[in-house]
Amino acid sequence: MHRTDLVIFDVDGTLVDTATDVHICLNMALERMNLPAISVEIAKKAIGPGPKDFIKYILGNRLELADEFHQIFRPLYVQRCADHAAPFDGIVELLHELRDRNIKMAVATNKARNSNAAVLKALQLDSSFDIILSRDDVEHSKPAPDMLLKACQQLKTAPENAIMLGDTDNDIAAAAGAGMESCLALWGFADNYKELAERSTYAIDHPLQILDIIESEIVNHA
C-alpha cells in the first residue's frame, strides 16, 4: 500500500470558484464582437476542457473568429479574474493542513499561465504550492498526463504516491494516464458527476475529506 506524498490540484472548479468572472468577461468580449451572450451554465461547461473545446463552447460554428475573440477576452480576464473569484469553502484550511503534514502540493491547470498566475496571486494562494504548471508549460495539456508527470518529476515523487484532485473528466483521465490516483471534487463545474465518480479513485463533497483518504493510506501503509 502506498502513501500520498503529493497532492496535485486543478484550479477552476477545484481550488477556486472562477465561474462569475469568466462568465462576465466572456460576455464582455462577445458584446464587443456583436455576438450573442452565453449563459453561466455554458460558461461553466467551457471552463476546464482546454483551449480548443473552450472556444467551441463559446463561438459554436463561428470558429473563424477565435483569434479575434482571444485577443479581446484574454486581457479582459487577466484584469478582472479576481473581481468575484474566491477559494472554495475548505480550500485554504486544506492547504494549511497539507503543509503542516509535509505533503507537497502542485497545481496542474489548463488555464493559460498569465491568467492562472493572476488568479492565484490575487487570492494569495500562489505561495502555497511547490510548483505551479499550466498548459503553457507542457506540450500536451490535460487529459494528457504531461503536467502531472512533470510535477512528479520536479518534486521527486513517484506517480503512485501522488493524487490528482479535480472536477472534470480531463483531471480523471490525466491521473489515469500518469498512473496515479484521482479524487473527484464534487463541488466543481462538471455536470456529469455520476459518470466521473465511477471512473475516479475517490469522490469527495468537501475539500477537507481528502485528509481522510490520506490518513487511511498512512494507516494501511504502516
C-alpha atoms as a PDB file:
ATOM      1  CA  MET A   1       0.000   0.000   0.000  1.00  0.00           C
ATOM      2  CA  HIS A   2       1.395   3.395  -0.975  1.00  0.00           C
ATOM      3  CA  ARG A   3       1.112   6.695   0.853  1.00  0.00           C
ATOM      4  CA  THR A   4       0.316  10.144  -0.529  1.00  0.00           C
ATOM      5  CA  ASP A   5       3.321  12.479  -0.645  1.00  0.00           C
ATOM      6  CA  LEU A   6       1.946  14.903  -3.249  1.00  0.00           C
ATOM      7  CA  VAL A   7      -1.484  16.397  -3.964  1.00  0.00           C
ATOM      8  CA  ILE A   8      -1.947  17.949  -7.406  1.00  0.00           C
ATOM      9  CA  PHE A   9      -4.785  20.464  -7.731  1.00  0.00           C
ATOM     10  CA  ASP A  10      -6.815  21.660 -10.666  1.00  0.00           C
ATOM     11  CA  VAL A  11      -7.765  25.358 -10.371  1.00  0.00           C
ATOM     12  CA  ASP A  12     -11.155  26.247 -11.897  1.00  0.00           C
ATOM     13  CA  GLY A  13     -13.905  24.363 -10.112  1.00  0.00           C
ATOM     14  CA  THR A  14     -11.494  22.771  -7.631  1.00  0.00           C
ATOM     15  CA  LEU A  15      -9.345  25.364  -5.885  1.00  0.00           C
ATOM     16  CA  VAL A  16     -11.214  28.477  -6.948  1.00  0.00           C
ATOM     17  CA  ASP A  17     -14.752  29.404  -7.971  1.00  0.00           C
ATOM     18  CA  THR A  18     -13.913  31.398 -11.096  1.00  0.00           C
ATOM     19  CA  ALA A  19     -17.245  30.999 -12.880  1.00  0.00           C
ATOM     20  CA  THR A  20     -18.637  34.502 -12.339  1.00  0.00           C
ATOM     21  CA  ASP A  21     -15.554  36.347 -13.573  1.00  0.00           C
ATOM     22  CA  VAL A  22     -15.127  34.038 -16.563  1.00  0.00           C
ATOM     23  CA  HIS A  23     -18.805  34.451 -17.462  1.00  0.00           C
ATOM     24  CA  ILE A  24     -18.704  38.241 -17.192  1.00  0.00           C
ATOM     25  CA  CYS A  25     -15.540  38.553 -19.276  1.00  0.00           C
ATOM     26  CA  LEU A  26     -16.788  36.120 -21.906  1.00  0.00           C
ATOM     27  CA  ASN A  27     -19.925  38.162 -22.408  1.00  0.00           C
ATOM     28  CA  MET A  28     -17.990  41.435 -22.457  1.00  0.00           C
ATOM     29  CA  ALA A  29     -15.838  40.038 -25.266  1.00  0.00           C
ATOM     30  CA  LEU A  30     -18.858  38.689 -27.135  1.00  0.00           C
ATOM     31  CA  GLU A  31     -20.638  42.031 -26.836  1.00  0.00           C
ATOM     32  CA  ARG A  32     -17.648  43.846 -28.339  1.00  0.00           C
ATOM     33  CA  MET A  33     -17.831  41.425 -31.261  1.00  0.00           C
ATOM     34  CA  ASN A  34     -21.606  41.929 -31.629  1.00  0.00           C
ATOM     35  CA  LEU A  35     -22.215  38.277 -30.791  1.00  0.00           C
ATOM     36  CA  PRO A  36     -24.961  36.893 -28.516  1.00  0.00           C
ATOM     37  CA  ALA A  37     -24.292  36.443 -24.815  1.00  0.00           C
ATOM     38  CA  ILE A  38     -23.967  32.993 -23.264  1.00  0.00           C
ATOM     39  CA  SER A  39     -25.405  31.659 -20.020  1.00  0.00           C
ATOM     40  CA  VAL A  40     -23.370  30.959 -16.907  1.00  0.00           C
ATOM     41  CA  GLU A  41     -24.137  27.255 -17.439  1.00  0.00           C
ATOM     42  CA  ILE A  42     -22.398  27.321 -20.828  1.00  0.00           C
ATOM     43  CA  ALA A  43     -19.504  29.263 -19.320  1.00  0.00           C
ATOM     44  CA  LYS A  44     -19.053  26.568 -16.657  1.00  0.00           C
ATOM     45  CA  LYS A  45     -19.040  23.843 -19.311  1.00  0.00           C
ATOM     46  CA  ALA A  46     -16.390  25.764 -21.253  1.00  0.00           C
ATOM     47  CA  ILE A  47     -14.069  26.032 -18.255  1.00  0.00           C
ATOM     48  CA  GLY A  48     -11.543  23.244 -17.953  1.00  0.00           C
ATOM     49  CA  PRO A  49     -11.529  21.234 -21.205  1.00  0.00           C
ATOM     50  CA  GLY A  50      -8.683  23.232 -22.746  1.00  0.00           C
ATOM     51  CA  PRO A  51      -8.469  25.989 -25.362  1.00  0.00           C
ATOM     52  CA  LYS A  52      -9.884  24.079 -28.348  1.00  0.00           C
ATOM     53  CA  ASP A  53     -13.025  22.875 -26.603  1.00  0.00           C
ATOM     54  CA  PHE A  54     -13.335  26.169 -24.715  1.00  0.00           C
ATOM     55  CA  ILE A  55     -13.680  28.160 -27.906  1.00  0.00           C
ATOM     56  CA  LYS A  56     -16.175  25.677 -29.373  1.00  0.00           C
ATOM     57  CA  TYR A  57     -18.486  26.193 -26.400  1.00  0.00           C
ATOM     58  CA  ILE A  58     -18.251  29.975 -26.764  1.00  0.00           C
ATOM     59  CA  LEU A  59     -18.328  30.507 -30.523  1.00  0.00           C
ATOM     60  CA  GLY A  60     -20.093  27.383 -31.754  1.00  0.00           C
ATOM     61  CA  ASN A  61     -19.644  27.147 -35.519  1.00  0.00           C
ATOM     62  CA  ARG A  62     -18.019  30.607 -35.778  1.00  0.00           C
ATOM     63  CA  LEU A  63     -14.518  29.271 -35.136  1.00  0.00           C
ATOM     64  CA  GLU A  64     -13.003  31.627 -37.716  1.00  0.00           C
ATOM     65  CA  LEU A  65     -13.492  34.341 -35.065  1.00  0.00           C
ATOM     66  CA  ALA A  66     -11.361  32.527 -32.482  1.00  0.00           C
ATOM     67  CA  ASP A  67      -8.241  34.684 -32.823  1.00  0.00           C
ATOM     68  CA  GLU A  68     -10.220  37.921 -32.566  1.00  0.00           C
ATOM     69  CA  PHE A  69     -12.124  36.595 -29.569  1.00  0.00           C
ATOM     70  CA  HIS A  70      -8.961  35.560 -27.705  1.00  0.00           C
ATOM     71  CA  GLN A  71      -7.343  38.944 -28.343  1.00  0.00           C
ATOM     72  CA  ILE A  72     -10.305  40.627 -26.651  1.00  0.00           C
ATOM     73  CA  PHE A  73     -11.088  38.092 -23.917  1.00  0.00           C
ATOM     74  CA  ARG A  74      -7.632  37.300 -22.531  1.00  0.00           C
ATOM     75  CA  PRO A  75      -6.606  40.813 -21.406  1.00  0.00           C
ATOM     76  CA  LEU A  76     -10.112  41.413 -20.048  1.00  0.00           C
ATOM     77  CA  TYR A  77      -9.938  38.276 -17.943  1.00  0.00           C
ATOM     78  CA  VAL A  78      -6.427  38.906 -16.617  1.00  0.00           C
ATOM     79  CA  GLN A  79      -7.594  42.340 -15.433  1.00  0.00           C
ATOM     80  CA  ARG A  80     -10.831  41.088 -13.860  1.00  0.00           C
ATOM     81  CA  CYS A  81     -10.052  37.475 -12.945  1.00  0.00           C
ATOM     82  CA  ALA A  82     -10.354  38.027  -9.193  1.00  0.00           C
ATOM     83  CA  ASP A  83     -13.230  40.516  -9.051  1.00  0.00           C
ATOM     84  CA  HIS A  84     -15.575  37.818  -7.734  1.00  0.00           C
ATOM     85  CA  ALA A  85     -13.344  34.736  -7.551  1.00  0.00           C
ATOM     86  CA  ALA A  86     -12.764  33.056  -4.203  1.00  0.00           C
ATOM     87  CA  PRO A  87     -11.329  29.785  -2.932  1.00  0.00           C
ATOM     88  CA  PHE A  88     -13.997  27.163  -2.372  1.00  0.00           C
ATOM     89  CA  ASP A  89     -15.003  26.561   1.231  1.00  0.00           C
ATOM     90  CA  GLY A  90     -12.351  24.496   2.996  1.00  0.00           C
ATOM     91  CA  ILE A  91      -9.571  25.013   0.440  1.00  0.00           C
ATOM     92  CA  VAL A  92      -7.447  27.434   2.468  1.00  0.00           C
ATOM     93  CA  GLU A  93      -7.712  25.207   5.537  1.00  0.00           C
ATOM     94  CA  LEU A  94      -6.795  22.169   3.436  1.00  0.00           C
ATOM     95  CA  LEU A  95      -3.664  23.855   2.090  1.00  0.00           C
ATOM     96  CA  HIS A  96      -2.549  24.673   5.636  1.00  0.00           C
ATOM     97  CA  GLU A  97      -3.250  21.116   6.802  1.00  0.00           C
ATOM     98  CA  LEU A  98      -1.275  19.583   3.952  1.00  0.00           C
ATOM     99  CA  ARG A  99       1.657  21.904   4.596  1.00  0.00           C
ATOM    100  CA  ASP A 100       1.616  21.022   8.298  1.00  0.00           C
ATOM    101  CA  ARG A 101       1.793  17.338   7.316  1.00  0.00           C
ATOM    102  CA  ASN A 102       4.745  17.965   4.973  1.00  0.00           C
ATOM    103  CA  ILE A 103       2.740  16.861   1.955  1.00  0.00           C
ATOM    104  CA  LYS A 104       3.884  18.520  -1.251  1.00  0.00           C
ATOM    105  CA  MET A 105       1.378  20.465  -3.342  1.00  0.00           C
ATOM    106  CA  ALA A 106       1.232  21.296  -7.035  1.00  0.00           C
ATOM    107  CA  VAL A 107      -1.127  22.974  -9.481  1.00  0.00           C
ATOM    108  CA  ALA A 108      -1.872  21.474 -12.898  1.00  0.00           C
ATOM    109  CA  THR A 109      -4.339  23.566 -14.881  1.00  0.00           C
ATOM    110  CA  ASN A 110      -5.395  24.012 -18.489  1.00  0.00           C
ATOM    111  CA  LYS A 111      -5.606  27.769 -17.874  1.00  0.00           C
ATOM    112  CA  ALA A 112      -3.083  29.979 -19.630  1.00  0.00           C
ATOM    113  CA  ARG A 113      -0.061  30.784 -17.467  1.00  0.00           C
ATOM    114  CA  ASN A 114      -0.735  34.527 -17.172  1.00  0.00           C
ATOM    115  CA  SER A 115      -4.395  34.225 -16.182  1.00  0.00           C
ATOM    116  CA  ASN A 116      -3.674  31.382 -13.774  1.00  0.00           C
ATOM    117  CA  ALA A 117      -0.871  33.344 -12.120  1.00  0.00           C
ATOM    118  CA  ALA A 118      -3.110  36.401 -11.822  1.00  0.00           C
ATOM    119  CA  VAL A 119      -5.900  34.461 -10.091  1.00  0.00           C
ATOM    120  CA  LEU A 120      -3.664  32.617  -7.628  1.00  0.00           C
ATOM    121  CA  LYS A 121      -1.661  35.732  -6.763  1.00  0.00           C
ATOM    122  CA  ALA A 122      -4.760  37.881  -6.255  1.00  0.00           C
ATOM    123  CA  LEU A 123      -6.202  35.288  -3.868  1.00  0.00           C
ATOM    124  CA  GLN A 124      -2.834  34.811  -2.121  1.00  0.00           C
ATOM    125  CA  LEU A 125      -2.770  31.119  -2.964  1.00  0.00           C
ATOM    126  CA  ASP A 126       0.345  31.061  -5.131  1.00  0.00           C
ATOM    127  CA  SER A 127       2.818  30.735  -2.257  1.00  0.00           C
ATOM    128  CA  SER A 128       1.092  27.562  -1.030  1.00  0.00           C
ATOM    129  CA  PHE A 129       2.390  25.423  -3.882  1.00  0.00           C
ATOM    130  CA  ASP A 130       5.731  23.795  -4.542  1.00  0.00           C
ATOM    131  CA  ILE A 131       5.167  24.010  -8.292  1.00  0.00           C
ATOM    132  CA  ILE A 132       2.515  25.634 -10.491  1.00  0.00           C
ATOM    133  CA  LEU A 133       2.032  24.268 -14.001  1.00  0.00           C
ATOM    134  CA  SER A 134      -0.272  25.468 -16.768  1.00  0.00           C
ATOM    135  CA  ARG A 135      -0.929  24.380 -20.328  1.00  0.00           C
ATOM    136  CA  ASP A 136       1.940  26.639 -21.433  1.00  0.00           C
ATOM    137  CA  ASP A 137       4.454  24.504 -19.543  1.00  0.00           C
ATOM    138  CA  VAL A 138       3.911  21.236 -21.426  1.00  0.00           C
ATOM    139  CA  GLU A 139       3.445  20.030 -24.977  1.00  0.00           C
ATOM    140  CA  HIS A 140       0.086  18.415 -24.252  1.00  0.00           C
ATOM    141  CA  SER A 141      -2.439  19.755 -21.726  1.00  0.00           C
ATOM    142  CA  LYS A 142      -4.899  17.598 -19.791  1.00  0.00           C
ATOM    143  CA  PRO A 143      -6.302  14.986 -20.461  1.00  0.00           C
ATOM    144  CA  ALA A 144      -2.719  14.081 -21.373  1.00  0.00           C
ATOM    145  CA  PRO A 145      -0.684  13.236 -18.258  1.00  0.00           C
ATOM    146  CA  ASP A 146       2.220  15.571 -19.130  1.00  0.00           C
ATOM    147  CA  MET A 147       1.606  18.173 -16.414  1.00  0.00           C
ATOM    148  CA  LEU A 148       1.101  15.581 -13.702  1.00  0.00           C
ATOM    149  CA  LEU A 149       4.221  13.656 -14.656  1.00  0.00           C
ATOM    150  CA  LYS A 150       6.239  16.877 -14.818  1.00  0.00           C
ATOM    151  CA  ALA A 151       5.079  17.827 -11.322  1.00  0.00           C
ATOM    152  CA  CYS A 152       6.086  14.391 -10.020  1.00  0.00           C
ATOM    153  CA  GLN A 153       9.450  14.554 -11.737  1.00  0.00           C
ATOM    154  CA  GLN A 154      10.315  18.022 -10.468  1.00  0.00           C
ATOM    155  CA  LEU A 155       9.140  17.228  -6.944  1.00  0.00           C
ATOM    156  CA  LYS A 156      10.885  13.837  -6.953  1.00  0.00           C
ATOM    157  CA  THR A 157       7.702  11.922  -6.200  1.00  0.00           C
ATOM    158  CA  ALA A 158       6.629   8.638  -7.759  1.00  0.00           C
ATOM    159  CA  PRO A 159       3.243   8.977  -9.522  1.00  0.00           C
ATOM    160  CA  GLU A 160       1.810   6.171  -7.394  1.00  0.00           C
ATOM    161  CA  ASN A 161       2.488   8.358  -4.335  1.00  0.00           C
ATOM    162  CA  ALA A 162       0.545  11.307  -5.746  1.00  0.00           C
ATOM    163  CA  ILE A 163      -3.155  12.058  -6.082  1.00  0.00           C
ATOM    164  CA  MET A 164      -4.894  14.393  -8.535  1.00  0.00           C
ATOM    165  CA  LEU A 165      -7.791  16.463  -7.174  1.00  0.00           C
ATOM    166  CA  GLY A 166     -10.020  17.871  -9.910  1.00  0.00           C
ATOM    167  CA  ASP A 167     -13.588  18.306 -11.095  1.00  0.00           C
ATOM    168  CA  THR A 168     -13.585  17.261 -14.763  1.00  0.00           C
ATOM    169  CA  ASP A 169     -13.016  14.228 -16.950  1.00  0.00           C
ATOM    170  CA  ASN A 170      -9.710  15.768 -18.054  1.00  0.00           C
ATOM    171  CA  ASP A 171      -8.407  15.539 -14.489  1.00  0.00           C
ATOM    172  CA  ILE A 172      -9.523  11.930 -14.070  1.00  0.00           C
ATOM    173  CA  ALA A 173      -8.076  10.903 -17.440  1.00  0.00           C
ATOM    174  CA  ALA A 174      -4.776  12.693 -16.810  1.00  0.00           C
ATOM    175  CA  ALA A 175      -4.386  10.924 -13.468  1.00  0.00           C
ATOM    176  CA  ALA A 176      -5.091   7.540 -15.042  1.00  0.00           C
ATOM    177  CA  GLY A 177      -2.557   8.236 -17.772  1.00  0.00           C
ATOM    178  CA  ALA A 178       0.043   9.240 -15.196  1.00  0.00           C
ATOM    179  CA  GLY A 179      -0.521   6.120 -13.110  1.00  0.00           C
ATOM    180  CA  MET A 180      -1.783   7.956 -10.048  1.00  0.00           C
ATOM    181  CA  GLU A 181      -4.990   8.024  -8.042  1.00  0.00           C
ATOM    182  CA  SER A 182      -7.679  10.590  -8.759  1.00  0.00           C
ATOM    183  CA  CYS A 183     -10.087  12.348  -6.436  1.00  0.00           C
ATOM    184  CA  LEU A 184     -13.203  13.941  -7.915  1.00  0.00           C
ATOM    185  CA  ALA A 185     -14.172  17.344  -6.493  1.00  0.00           C
ATOM    186  CA  LEU A 186     -17.961  17.186  -6.415  1.00  0.00           C
ATOM    187  CA  TRP A 187     -18.255  20.923  -5.658  1.00  0.00           C
ATOM    188  CA  GLY A 188     -16.914  21.902  -9.093  1.00  0.00           C
ATOM    189  CA  PHE A 189     -18.286  22.775 -12.524  1.00  0.00           C
ATOM    190  CA  ALA A 190     -18.874  19.398 -14.197  1.00  0.00           C
ATOM    191  CA  ASP A 191     -22.415  18.241 -14.954  1.00  0.00           C
ATOM    192  CA  ASN A 192     -21.693  14.504 -15.282  1.00  0.00           C
ATOM    193  CA  TYR A 193     -20.529  13.684 -11.764  1.00  0.00           C
ATOM    194  CA  LYS A 194     -22.156  10.252 -11.617  1.00  0.00           C
ATOM    195  CA  GLU A 195     -20.173   9.089 -14.644  1.00  0.00           C
ATOM    196  CA  LEU A 196     -16.958  10.724 -13.412  1.00  0.00           C
ATOM    197  CA  ALA A 197     -17.304   9.218  -9.935  1.00  0.00           C
ATOM    198  CA  GLU A 198     -17.351   5.752 -11.480  1.00  0.00           C
ATOM    199  CA  ARG A 199     -14.024   6.464 -13.200  1.00  0.00           C
ATOM    200  CA  SER A 200     -12.229   8.230 -10.353  1.00  0.00           C
ATOM    201  CA  THR A 201     -10.477   6.516  -7.460  1.00  0.00           C
ATOM    202  CA  TYR A 202     -12.316   8.662  -4.922  1.00  0.00           C
ATOM    203  CA  ALA A 203     -15.066  11.295  -4.918  1.00  0.00           C
ATOM    204  CA  ILE A 204     -15.499  13.865  -2.149  1.00  0.00           C
ATOM    205  CA  ASP A 205     -18.083  16.529  -1.304  1.00  0.00           C
ATOM    206  CA  HIS A 206     -15.736  18.846   0.619  1.00  0.00           C
ATOM    207  CA  PRO A 207     -12.010  19.570   0.235  1.00  0.00           C
ATOM    208  CA  LEU A 208     -11.091  18.511   3.775  1.00  0.00           C
ATOM    209  CA  GLN A 209     -12.370  14.988   3.110  1.00  0.00           C
ATOM    210  CA  ILE A 210      -9.193  14.265   1.160  1.00  0.00           C
ATOM    211  CA  LEU A 211      -7.390  14.284   4.509  1.00  0.00           C
ATOM    212  CA  ASP A 212      -9.371  11.185   5.499  1.00  0.00           C
ATOM    213  CA  ILE A 213      -8.151   9.458   2.336  1.00  0.00           C
ATOM    214  CA  ILE A 214      -4.554  10.402   3.072  1.00  0.00           C
ATOM    215  CA  GLU A 215      -4.855   9.310   6.705  1.00  0.00           C
ATOM    216  CA  SER A 216      -6.301   5.929   5.725  1.00  0.00           C
ATOM    217  CA  GLU A 217      -3.397   5.356   3.348  1.00  0.00           C
ATOM    218  CA  ILE A 218      -0.901   6.198   6.095  1.00  0.00           C
ATOM    219  CA  VAL A 219      -2.568   3.702   8.445  1.00  0.00           C
ATOM    220  CA  ASN A 220      -2.622   0.978   5.796  1.00  0.00           C
ATOM    221  CA  HIS A 221       0.985   1.732   4.876  1.00  0.00           C
ATOM    222  CA  ALA A 222       2.217   1.437   8.462  1.00  0.00           C
END
